[in-house]
Protein backbone atom coordinates (compact mmCIF):
# COMPACT_ATOMS: atom_id res chain seq x y z
CA MET A 1 -0.16 0.03 0.04
CA SER A 2 0.78 3.63 -0.75
CA TYR A 3 0.42 6.76 0.65
CA GLN A 4 0.88 10.43 -0.35
CA ILE A 5 2.53 12.59 2.28
CA ASN A 6 2.41 16.46 1.71
CA ILE A 7 5.49 18.93 3.30
CA ARG A 8 4.48 22.01 4.83
CA PRO A 9 5.22 24.79 4.16
CA SER A 10 7.32 23.79 0.84
CA ASP A 11 3.42 21.91 -0.24
CA LEU A 12 6.19 19.53 -1.88
CA VAL A 13 4.65 16.05 -2.36
CA PHE A 14 5.96 12.58 -2.18
CA ASN A 15 4.51 9.02 -2.09
CA VAL A 16 5.91 6.42 0.83
CA ARG A 17 5.83 2.68 -0.08
CA SER A 18 4.76 0.20 3.35
CA GLY A 19 7.21 -0.39 5.57
CA GLU A 20 9.41 3.02 4.35
CA THR A 21 9.86 5.62 6.87
CA ILE A 22 9.31 9.51 6.08
CA LEU A 23 12.70 10.20 5.88
CA GLN A 24 13.23 7.41 3.93
CA ALA A 25 10.70 8.12 1.12
CA ALA A 26 11.47 11.84 1.10
CA LEU A 27 15.32 10.69 0.71
CA CYS A 28 14.04 8.69 -2.49
CA ALA A 29 11.93 11.14 -3.83
CA GLY A 30 15.24 13.28 -4.05
CA ILE A 31 13.98 15.54 -0.84
CA SER A 32 16.39 16.08 1.95
CA LEU A 33 15.04 16.36 5.57
CA PRO A 34 17.24 17.40 8.41
CA TYR A 35 18.59 13.93 9.63
CA GLY A 36 21.62 12.72 11.86
CA CYS A 37 21.62 9.07 13.12
CA ARG A 38 18.52 7.41 11.70
CA ASN A 39 18.01 5.12 14.50
CA GLY A 40 16.01 7.79 16.33
CA SER A 41 18.63 8.72 18.87
CA CYS A 42 19.68 12.03 18.00
CA GLY A 43 16.03 14.28 17.11
CA THR A 44 17.47 15.69 14.15
CA CYS A 45 14.13 14.47 12.29
CA LYS A 46 12.08 15.26 14.14
CA GLY A 47 9.10 17.42 12.57
CA LYS A 48 5.45 17.81 13.20
CA ILE A 49 2.44 15.60 11.63
CA ILE A 50 -0.29 18.32 10.99
CA GLN A 51 -2.75 15.43 9.83
CA GLY A 52 -2.74 11.63 9.27
CA THR A 53 -1.54 8.85 11.40
CA VAL A 54 1.72 6.93 12.09
CA ASP A 55 3.15 4.11 13.51
CA PHE A 56 6.25 5.99 15.52
CA GLY A 57 8.55 3.01 15.36
CA GLN A 58 11.35 1.90 17.65
CA HIS A 59 13.09 5.07 19.17
CA ASN A 60 14.62 6.76 22.31
CA LYS A 61 11.74 7.67 24.50
CA GLU A 62 14.05 10.51 25.95
CA THR A 63 14.75 12.03 21.98
CA LEU A 64 10.62 11.71 21.46
CA THR A 65 8.04 11.95 24.99
CA GLU A 66 4.85 10.63 25.06
CA LYS A 67 3.81 14.18 25.45
CA GLU A 68 5.75 15.03 22.22
CA LYS A 69 3.91 12.74 20.63
CA THR A 70 0.30 13.72 22.17
CA ALA A 71 1.42 16.58 20.52
CA GLY A 72 1.62 15.44 16.82
CA MET A 73 5.43 15.13 17.02
CA ALA A 74 7.37 11.82 15.40
CA LEU A 75 10.89 11.28 14.46
CA PHE A 76 10.45 10.77 10.78
CA CYS A 77 13.63 8.36 10.66
CA CYS A 78 11.37 5.54 12.28
CA ALA A 79 7.86 7.00 11.84
CA THR A 80 6.01 4.98 9.36
CA PRO A 81 2.75 6.19 7.66
CA LEU A 82 -0.79 4.54 8.00
CA SER A 83 -2.42 6.71 6.40
CA ASP A 84 -1.88 9.82 3.84
CA LEU A 85 -0.35 12.50 6.16
CA VAL A 86 1.04 16.31 6.08
CA ILE A 87 4.04 17.04 8.06
CA GLU A 88 5.26 20.25 8.67
CA CYS A 89 9.57 20.50 8.88
CA HIS A 90 12.20 22.58 7.29
CA GLU A 91 13.81 21.24 4.45
CA VAL A 92 17.51 21.15 3.76
CA SER A 93 17.86 22.56 0.46
CA ALA A 94 21.48 22.82 -0.25
CA ILE A 95 21.81 18.94 -0.24
CA LYS A 96 19.07 18.08 -2.71
CA ASP A 97 21.72 18.05 -5.73
CA ILE A 98 24.40 16.09 -4.11
CA LYS A 99 23.93 12.71 -5.57
CA ILE A 100 25.35 9.57 -2.82
CA LYS A 101 27.60 7.12 -4.58
CA LYS A 102 29.60 4.28 -3.87
CA LEU A 103 32.90 3.89 -4.85
CA PRO A 104 35.91 1.89 -3.81
CA CYS A 105 39.04 3.93 -2.08
CA ARG A 106 42.72 2.56 -0.91
CA VAL A 107 43.56 3.60 2.19
CA HIS A 108 47.03 5.98 1.51
CA LYS A 109 48.19 7.03 4.73
CA LEU A 110 47.50 5.97 8.35
CA GLU A 111 48.78 8.35 11.23
CA ARG A 112 48.00 7.85 15.04
CA VAL A 113 47.83 11.35 16.08
CA ALA A 114 46.88 9.97 19.99
CA PRO A 115 47.22 7.05 21.66
CA ASP A 116 42.74 6.12 20.34
CA VAL A 117 42.98 8.38 17.57
CA MET A 118 44.06 7.54 14.03
CA ILE A 119 43.59 9.63 11.31
CA ILE A 120 42.79 7.44 8.23
CA SER A 121 43.07 9.17 4.84
CA LEU A 122 41.34 7.71 1.74
CA LYS A 123 41.85 8.14 -1.77
CA LEU A 124 39.49 7.53 -5.23
CA PRO A 125 40.20 6.74 -8.18
CA ALA A 126 41.52 8.90 -10.43
CA ASN A 127 38.52 9.48 -12.51
CA GLN A 128 36.28 9.81 -9.09
CA ARG A 129 35.63 12.56 -6.43
CA LEU A 130 33.04 12.63 -4.12
CA GLN A 131 31.02 15.94 -3.83
CA PHE A 132 29.60 16.80 -0.30
CA LEU A 133 29.12 19.04 2.17
CA ALA A 134 31.71 20.34 4.61
CA GLY A 135 30.29 18.54 8.12
CA GLN A 136 29.04 15.40 6.48
CA TYR A 137 29.63 11.81 6.91
CA ILE A 138 30.32 8.89 5.00
CA ASP A 139 29.51 4.85 5.26
CA ILE A 140 32.37 2.34 4.97
CA LEU A 141 30.65 -0.80 3.65
CA LEU A 142 31.65 -4.08 5.11
CA LYS A 143 32.26 -6.96 3.44
CA ASP A 144 29.32 -8.77 6.32
CA GLY A 145 26.64 -6.23 4.84
CA LYS A 146 26.94 -4.00 8.20
CA ARG A 147 28.22 -0.21 7.92
CA ARG A 148 30.56 2.09 9.84
CA SER A 149 30.24 5.97 9.85
CA PHE A 150 32.86 8.32 9.71
CA SER A 151 32.48 12.43 9.52
CA LEU A 152 34.61 13.75 6.77
CA ALA A 153 36.94 15.99 8.06
CA ASN A 154 38.59 17.25 5.00
CA SER A 155 37.09 20.64 3.47
CA PRO A 156 35.19 19.78 0.12
CA HIS A 157 37.50 22.62 -1.45
CA ASP A 158 40.37 20.38 -0.63
CA ASP A 159 39.17 16.99 -2.10
CA GLU A 160 42.36 15.09 -2.95
CA PHE A 161 41.86 13.17 0.31
CA LEU A 162 38.90 11.55 2.09
CA HIS A 163 40.29 12.28 5.63
CA ILE A 164 38.45 10.41 8.58
CA HIS A 165 39.06 10.35 12.61
CA ALA A 166 39.11 6.58 13.99
CA ARG A 167 38.48 6.04 17.40
CA ASN A 168 40.12 2.82 19.28
CA TYR A 169 37.35 2.10 21.96
CA PRO A 170 36.77 -1.47 23.64
CA GLY A 171 34.61 -3.66 21.84
CA GLY A 172 34.65 -1.75 18.80
CA VAL A 173 35.13 -4.42 15.83
CA PHE A 174 36.20 -2.22 13.16
CA ALA A 175 37.91 -0.03 15.47
CA LYS A 176 40.28 -2.93 16.31
CA HIS A 177 40.51 -3.77 12.84
CA VAL A 178 41.76 -0.23 12.18
CA PHE A 179 44.32 -0.21 14.64
CA THR A 180 45.30 -3.38 14.43
CA GLN A 181 45.07 -4.86 10.61
CA MET A 182 44.35 -2.25 8.36
CA LYS A 183 47.03 -1.77 5.68
CA VAL A 184 48.50 1.13 3.41
CA LYS A 185 46.97 0.26 -0.11
CA ASP A 186 44.30 -1.37 1.82
CA ILE A 187 40.85 -1.49 -0.20
CA LEU A 188 37.70 -0.14 1.11
CA ARG A 189 34.23 0.56 -0.49
CA ILE A 190 32.43 3.64 0.76
CA GLU A 191 28.82 5.45 0.10
CA GLY A 192 28.31 8.67 0.92
CA PRO A 193 27.82 11.56 1.78
CA PHE A 194 25.25 11.55 4.27
CA GLY A 195 23.78 14.35 7.09
CA SER A 196 22.61 17.82 7.81
CA PHE A 197 25.53 18.77 9.69
CA PHE A 198 26.29 21.85 7.50
CA LEU A 199 26.88 25.18 7.39
CA ARG A 200 24.26 27.47 7.17
CA ASP A 201 24.17 30.71 5.75
CA GLU A 202 23.17 33.62 8.28
CA PRO A 203 23.27 37.23 8.34
CA GLN A 204 27.01 38.32 9.18
CA ASP A 205 26.49 39.69 12.80
CA LYS A 206 25.39 36.51 14.29
CA SER A 207 27.85 34.82 15.82
CA THR A 208 28.65 30.99 15.67
CA ILE A 209 29.84 28.77 18.22
CA PHE A 210 31.26 25.29 17.45
CA VAL A 211 31.04 22.70 20.26
CA ALA A 212 32.84 19.61 19.95
CA SER A 213 33.90 16.34 22.25
CA GLY A 214 36.31 13.76 21.67
CA THR A 215 36.57 13.16 17.74
CA GLY A 216 32.84 15.17 16.73
CA PHE A 217 35.67 18.04 16.02
CA ALA A 218 36.48 16.17 12.48
CA PRO A 219 33.30 18.00 10.97
CA ILE A 220 34.00 20.60 12.51
CA LYS A 221 37.53 20.74 11.22
CA SER A 222 35.57 20.75 8.03
CA ILE A 223 33.22 22.73 8.30
CA LEU A 224 35.89 25.64 9.58
CA GLU A 225 38.36 25.01 6.96
CA TYR A 226 35.31 25.35 4.36
CA ALA A 227 34.60 29.01 6.19
CA PHE A 228 38.22 29.80 6.29
CA TYR A 229 38.33 28.91 2.31
CA MET A 230 35.19 31.01 1.80
CA GLU A 231 36.18 34.07 3.73
CA ASN A 232 39.07 34.32 1.38
CA LYS A 233 37.08 34.40 -1.49
CA CYS A 234 34.04 36.68 -0.24
CA SER A 235 36.16 38.85 2.16
CA ILE A 236 32.96 38.11 4.53
CA LYS A 237 34.67 37.16 8.25
CA LYS A 238 31.94 35.78 11.00
CA LYS A 239 33.11 36.21 14.45
CA MET A 240 33.71 31.93 15.27
CA SER A 241 34.53 30.49 18.11
CA LEU A 242 35.65 26.50 18.86
CA TYR A 243 35.02 24.70 22.23
CA TRP A 244 36.56 21.47 21.95
CA GLY A 245 35.84 19.20 24.72
CA VAL A 246 38.38 16.45 25.90
CA GLN A 247 39.66 14.30 29.24
CA THR A 248 43.42 15.09 28.88
CA LYS A 249 45.85 17.01 26.95
CA ALA A 250 47.05 13.92 24.37
CA ASP A 251 42.95 13.58 23.73
CA LEU A 252 43.61 17.38 22.04
CA TYR A 253 45.30 15.76 18.82
CA LEU A 254 44.96 18.37 16.44
CA ALA A 255 45.65 21.79 18.63
CA GLU A 256 48.54 22.71 17.02
CA LEU A 257 46.18 23.31 14.10
CA ALA A 258 43.59 25.23 16.37
CA ASN A 259 46.20 27.39 17.39
CA LYS A 260 47.35 28.45 14.51
CA TRP A 261 43.78 28.88 13.28
CA GLN A 262 43.60 31.05 15.75
CA GLN A 263 46.54 33.18 14.55
CA GLN A 264 45.68 33.39 11.50
CA HIS A 265 42.33 34.23 11.71
CA GLU A 266 41.26 37.29 14.02
CA ASN A 267 37.40 36.52 14.05
CA PHE A 268 38.34 33.00 15.32
CA THR A 269 39.17 31.78 18.81
CA PHE A 270 39.80 28.58 20.22
CA ILE A 271 39.07 27.20 24.08
CA PRO A 272 40.51 23.67 24.89
CA VAL A 273 38.51 21.88 27.73
CA LEU A 274 40.00 18.95 29.93
CA SER A 275 37.66 17.39 32.14
CA ASN A 276 39.99 15.00 33.71
CA ALA A 277 43.52 16.84 33.21
CA LEU A 278 46.71 14.58 34.53
CA PRO A 279 49.34 15.81 36.61
CA THR A 280 51.36 15.27 34.13
CA ASP A 281 49.77 17.40 31.47
CA ASN A 282 50.78 20.50 33.78
CA TRP A 283 47.77 22.38 32.18
CA SER A 284 46.77 25.76 33.56
CA GLY A 285 43.66 26.06 30.83
CA ARG A 286 40.06 25.39 31.39
CA GLU A 287 38.73 22.61 32.94
CA GLY A 288 35.59 20.58 33.65
CA LEU A 289 32.51 20.15 30.94
CA VAL A 290 33.35 21.44 27.94
CA HIS A 291 29.29 22.92 26.75
CA GLU A 292 29.36 24.43 30.64
CA ALA A 293 32.49 26.35 29.73
CA VAL A 294 30.58 28.29 26.87
CA LEU A 295 28.07 28.96 29.41
CA GLN A 296 30.29 30.75 31.74
CA ASP A 297 31.51 32.64 28.82
CA TYR A 298 28.06 33.77 27.41
CA LYS A 299 25.28 35.60 29.73
CA SER A 300 22.86 35.18 26.41
CA LEU A 301 22.93 33.25 23.00
CA ALA A 302 20.18 34.88 21.39
CA THR A 303 21.95 36.13 18.51
CA HIS A 304 23.91 33.18 17.93
CA GLN A 305 24.10 29.89 16.29
CA VAL A 306 25.54 26.64 17.83
CA TYR A 307 26.87 23.31 15.94
CA ALA A 308 27.32 20.76 18.55
CA CYS A 309 29.45 17.18 17.56
CA GLY A 310 30.35 14.03 19.32
CA ALA A 311 28.87 11.97 22.56
CA PRO A 312 24.91 12.34 23.40
CA ILE A 313 25.32 13.64 26.70
CA MET A 314 27.50 16.43 25.54
CA VAL A 315 25.07 17.41 22.65
CA LYS A 316 21.99 16.83 24.48
CA ALA A 317 22.96 18.55 28.01
CA ALA A 318 24.50 21.88 25.04
CA TYR A 319 21.11 21.94 23.61
CA ASP A 320 19.01 21.94 27.09
CA ASP A 321 21.37 24.30 28.58
CA PHE A 322 21.71 26.95 25.62
CA THR A 323 18.01 26.85 25.10
CA SER A 324 16.31 27.26 28.15
CA LEU A 325 19.39 29.17 30.24
CA ARG A 326 20.83 31.49 27.39
CA GLY A 327 18.06 32.07 24.96
CA LEU A 328 19.26 29.74 22.22
CA GLN A 329 16.49 29.92 19.30
CA LYS A 330 15.91 26.56 19.01
CA ASP A 331 16.05 26.55 15.11
CA ASN A 332 19.70 27.87 15.62
CA PHE A 333 20.93 24.46 17.38
CA PHE A 334 22.70 22.18 14.63
CA SER A 335 24.15 18.83 15.86
CA ASP A 336 25.70 15.35 14.75
CA VAL A 337 25.12 12.96 17.50
CA PHE A 338 27.62 10.19 17.72
CA THR A 339 25.54 7.02 18.73
CA PRO A 340 26.01 3.61 18.82
CA SER A 341 24.96 0.72 16.93
CA LEU A 342 21.71 -1.01 16.98
CA ALA A 343 22.87 -4.05 16.01
CA GLU A 344 26.12 -3.67 18.71
CA GLN A 345 24.99 -1.58 21.69
CA LYS A 346 27.91 -2.08 23.71
CA SER A 347 30.65 -1.08 21.19
CA TRP A 348 30.75 2.44 20.36
CA GLU A 349 31.28 2.66 16.57
CA PRO A 350 31.14 5.92 13.93
CA VAL A 351 27.55 6.95 12.51
CA GLY A 352 27.78 8.56 9.60
CA LEU A 353 26.78 9.79 11.79
CA LYS A 354 26.66 9.46 12.14
CA SER A 355 21.91 6.40 13.01
CA ASP A 356 22.70 4.76 10.57
CA ARG A 357 25.81 6.39 12.40
CA LEU A 358 27.68 4.01 14.52
CA PRO A 359 30.01 5.95 17.16
CA SER A 360 33.51 5.18 15.93
CA ASN A 361 34.14 9.18 15.78
CA LEU A 362 33.69 9.32 19.37
């Protein structure tokens, strides 16, 4: 059975087949809705059912509460229509013309930049390029049919190699492979790009704050490098700040690069934050939770945009506190949550991301 879905306010119409989620059908129809994890964990795809009924599907009950369901909200990555629908959400027009591809690639370089972080450089065939927006992710396709999702850390204007930041974590099967068996010249297959975590066009007077935890730095690196590149092209400089939270000093695996950005761009500020500094770190900088450092520095976020990427607990705390305590407009909070695979709940691996993202980026 097929149902028809009408999107407000754009009035675009598409059809959904039996068993398809709203998001799946929209993407197949070439309509780009916001999404991140695609497993009901992050809430990026949350929208309103104005008319019609749905099966809400399996999802994190904190991400979509019973009260929100009663108010007509649904997670479009999980919800399947039970009738024709009218839904309300904002489309992501910037990605509508980007084609999702499956491509082979070769491991060009493996660089261990921290005890548990490996930067993997991938080389596509000479006649191929992957078009993507800064901040998006790819899936690595494994032989058993599973996927591991990783944010692209390079900017679209610098795409000779695709860079991903892989974290080693206990129980991560693919992570173990990266750190113990993967070799230069290995062949991988990838699919992408995916995700709606990318820089929006906003008035110049709206400052931007980036908040990263762990390897959530990867997509933010891509976005910032693209923003710096565009500054040189159009001479527009928005004020930007990066708060990067990790446990120890060794986890700031590209701190020198971020410090270099700060030296080169007067409109950019870098604030590293350690939550568990070691005595040997000799750390004199900021300590504590990374989102709390933002709260300490800003009495109001009413005129800001915030891009947050990393562990679910950090992203959720940032959203809750920034909107309730500092007046951040909900539409000005963009996030990419690194969530665990539903197939391997005990292990953290990347989500292209991020839902089909697994947490390897953490």
